[in-house]
Amino acid sequence: MNSFFKLKKTLIISIQIIIFSQISVWLHLYSKSGEINHLDFFLDKDYIISNIKFFIFIWIFLIFISYMKD
């Protein structure tokens, strides 16, 4: 498989994992409060930075795994 397509595939999977984790957080907050009024929580600088770090970690991990399979 072409290296570019491998990177593209792992990037798409990483984005899907991030979206799924965000939905999980929203559902958790909704189940605790009954409504989602925590917009300031999602706009917090530390929260955004931690999501970016998590995204980079997942992407590197998936790249590592995809190259180990070949």
C-alpha atoms as a PDB file:
ATOM      1  CA  MET A   1       0.000   0.000   0.000  1.00  0.00           C
ATOM      2  CA  ASN A   2       1.206   3.471  -0.811  1.00  0.00           C
ATOM      3  CA  SER A   3       2.645   5.392   2.121  1.00  0.00           C
ATOM      4  CA  PHE A   4       0.459   8.425   1.432  1.00  0.00           C
ATOM      5  CA  PHE A   5      -2.715   6.361   1.528  1.00  0.00           C
ATOM      6  CA  LYS A   6      -1.564   4.717   4.731  1.00  0.00           C
ATOM      7  CA  LEU A   7      -1.095   8.126   6.380  1.00  0.00           C
ATOM      8  CA  LYS A   8      -4.434   9.313   5.036  1.00  0.00           C
ATOM      9  CA  LYS A   9      -6.182   6.218   6.396  1.00  0.00           C
ATOM     10  CA  THR A  10      -4.634   6.611   9.854  1.00  0.00           C
ATOM     11  CA  LEU A  11      -5.525  10.315   9.867  1.00  0.00           C
ATOM     12  CA  ILE A  12      -9.162   9.521   9.101  1.00  0.00           C
ATOM     13  CA  ILE A  13      -9.274   6.849  11.798  1.00  0.00           C
ATOM     14  CA  SER A  14      -7.725   9.273  14.299  1.00  0.00           C
ATOM     15  CA  ILE A  15     -10.329  11.911  13.511  1.00  0.00           C
ATOM     16  CA  GLN A  16     -13.074   9.341  13.973  1.00  0.00           C
ATOM     17  CA  ILE A  17     -11.650   8.363  17.377  1.00  0.00           C
ATOM     18  CA  ILE A  18     -11.544  12.020  18.462  1.00  0.00           C
ATOM     19  CA  ILE A  19     -15.141  12.592  17.336  1.00  0.00           C
ATOM     20  CA  PHE A  20     -16.279   9.467  19.169  1.00  0.00           C
ATOM     21  CA  SER A  21     -14.487  10.543  22.350  1.00  0.00           C
ATOM     22  CA  GLN A  22     -16.078  14.007  22.125  1.00  0.00           C
ATOM     23  CA  ILE A  23     -19.536  12.488  21.763  1.00  0.00           C
ATOM     24  CA  SER A  24     -18.815  10.284  24.779  1.00  0.00           C
ATOM     25  CA  VAL A  25     -17.855  13.331  26.863  1.00  0.00           C
ATOM     26  CA  TRP A  26     -20.987  15.202  25.765  1.00  0.00           C
ATOM     27  CA  LEU A  27     -23.206  12.242  26.632  1.00  0.00           C
ATOM     28  CA  HIS A  28     -21.512  11.879  30.009  1.00  0.00           C
ATOM     29  CA  LEU A  29     -22.060  15.564  30.809  1.00  0.00           C
ATOM     30  CA  TYR A  30     -25.653  15.345  29.581  1.00  0.00           C
ATOM     31  CA  SER A  31     -26.373  12.342  31.784  1.00  0.00           C
ATOM     32  CA  LYS A  32     -24.961  14.164  34.814  1.00  0.00           C
ATOM     33  CA  SER A  33     -26.745  17.492  34.386  1.00  0.00           C
ATOM     34  CA  GLY A  34     -29.726  16.738  32.165  1.00  0.00           C
ATOM     35  CA  GLU A  35     -28.653  19.414  29.708  1.00  0.00           C
ATOM     36  CA  ILE A  36     -25.524  20.383  27.872  1.00  0.00           C
ATOM     37  CA  ASN A  37     -24.633  23.831  29.137  1.00  0.00           C
ATOM     38  CA  HIS A  38     -20.908  23.276  29.495  1.00  0.00           C
ATOM     39  CA  LEU A  39     -19.825  25.199  26.387  1.00  0.00           C
ATOM     40  CA  ASP A  40     -17.170  27.054  28.353  1.00  0.00           C
ATOM     41  CA  PHE A  41     -15.694  23.652  29.294  1.00  0.00           C
ATOM     42  CA  PHE A  42     -15.239  22.747  25.614  1.00  0.00           C
ATOM     43  CA  LEU A  43     -13.742  26.151  24.788  1.00  0.00           C
ATOM     44  CA  ASP A  44     -11.215  25.910  27.611  1.00  0.00           C
ATOM     45  CA  LYS A  45      -7.633  26.235  26.339  1.00  0.00           C
ATOM     46  CA  ASP A  46      -6.335  23.298  28.399  1.00  0.00           C
ATOM     47  CA  TYR A  47      -9.125  21.049  27.142  1.00  0.00           C
ATOM     48  CA  ILE A  48      -8.373  21.934  23.517  1.00  0.00           C
ATOM     49  CA  ILE A  49      -4.635  21.341  24.018  1.00  0.00           C
ATOM     50  CA  SER A  50      -5.275  17.965  25.650  1.00  0.00           C
ATOM     51  CA  ASN A  51      -7.487  16.962  22.702  1.00  0.00           C
ATOM     52  CA  ILE A  52      -4.756  17.937  20.258  1.00  0.00           C
ATOM     53  CA  LYS A  53      -2.197  15.911  22.221  1.00  0.00           C
ATOM     54  CA  PHE A  54      -4.569  12.946  22.313  1.00  0.00           C
ATOM     55  CA  PHE A  55      -5.139  13.247  18.552  1.00  0.00           C
ATOM     56  CA  ILE A  56      -1.396  13.315  17.835  1.00  0.00           C
ATOM     57  CA  PHE A  57      -0.803  10.334  20.124  1.00  0.00           C
ATOM     58  CA  ILE A  58      -3.560   8.281  18.460  1.00  0.00           C
ATOM     59  CA  TRP A  59      -2.328   9.193  14.994  1.00  0.00           C
ATOM     60  CA  ILE A  60       1.284   8.237  15.752  1.00  0.00           C
ATOM     61  CA  PHE A  61       0.139   5.019  17.416  1.00  0.00           C
ATOM     62  CA  LEU A  62      -1.966   4.051  14.389  1.00  0.00           C
ATOM     63  CA  ILE A  63       0.882   4.867  12.017  1.00  0.00           C
ATOM     64  CA  PHE A  64       3.196   2.693  14.078  1.00  0.00           C
ATOM     65  CA  ILE A  65       0.734  -0.202  14.061  1.00  0.00           C
ATOM     66  CA  SER A  66       0.039   0.087  10.337  1.00  0.00           C
ATOM     67  CA  TYR A  67       3.752  -0.042   9.513  1.00  0.00           C
ATOM     68  CA  MET A  68       4.336  -2.951  11.891  1.00  0.00           C
ATOM     69  CA  LYS A  69       1.695  -4.980  10.060  1.00  0.00           C
ATOM     70  CA  ASP A  70       3.599  -4.713   6.761  1.00  0.00           C
END
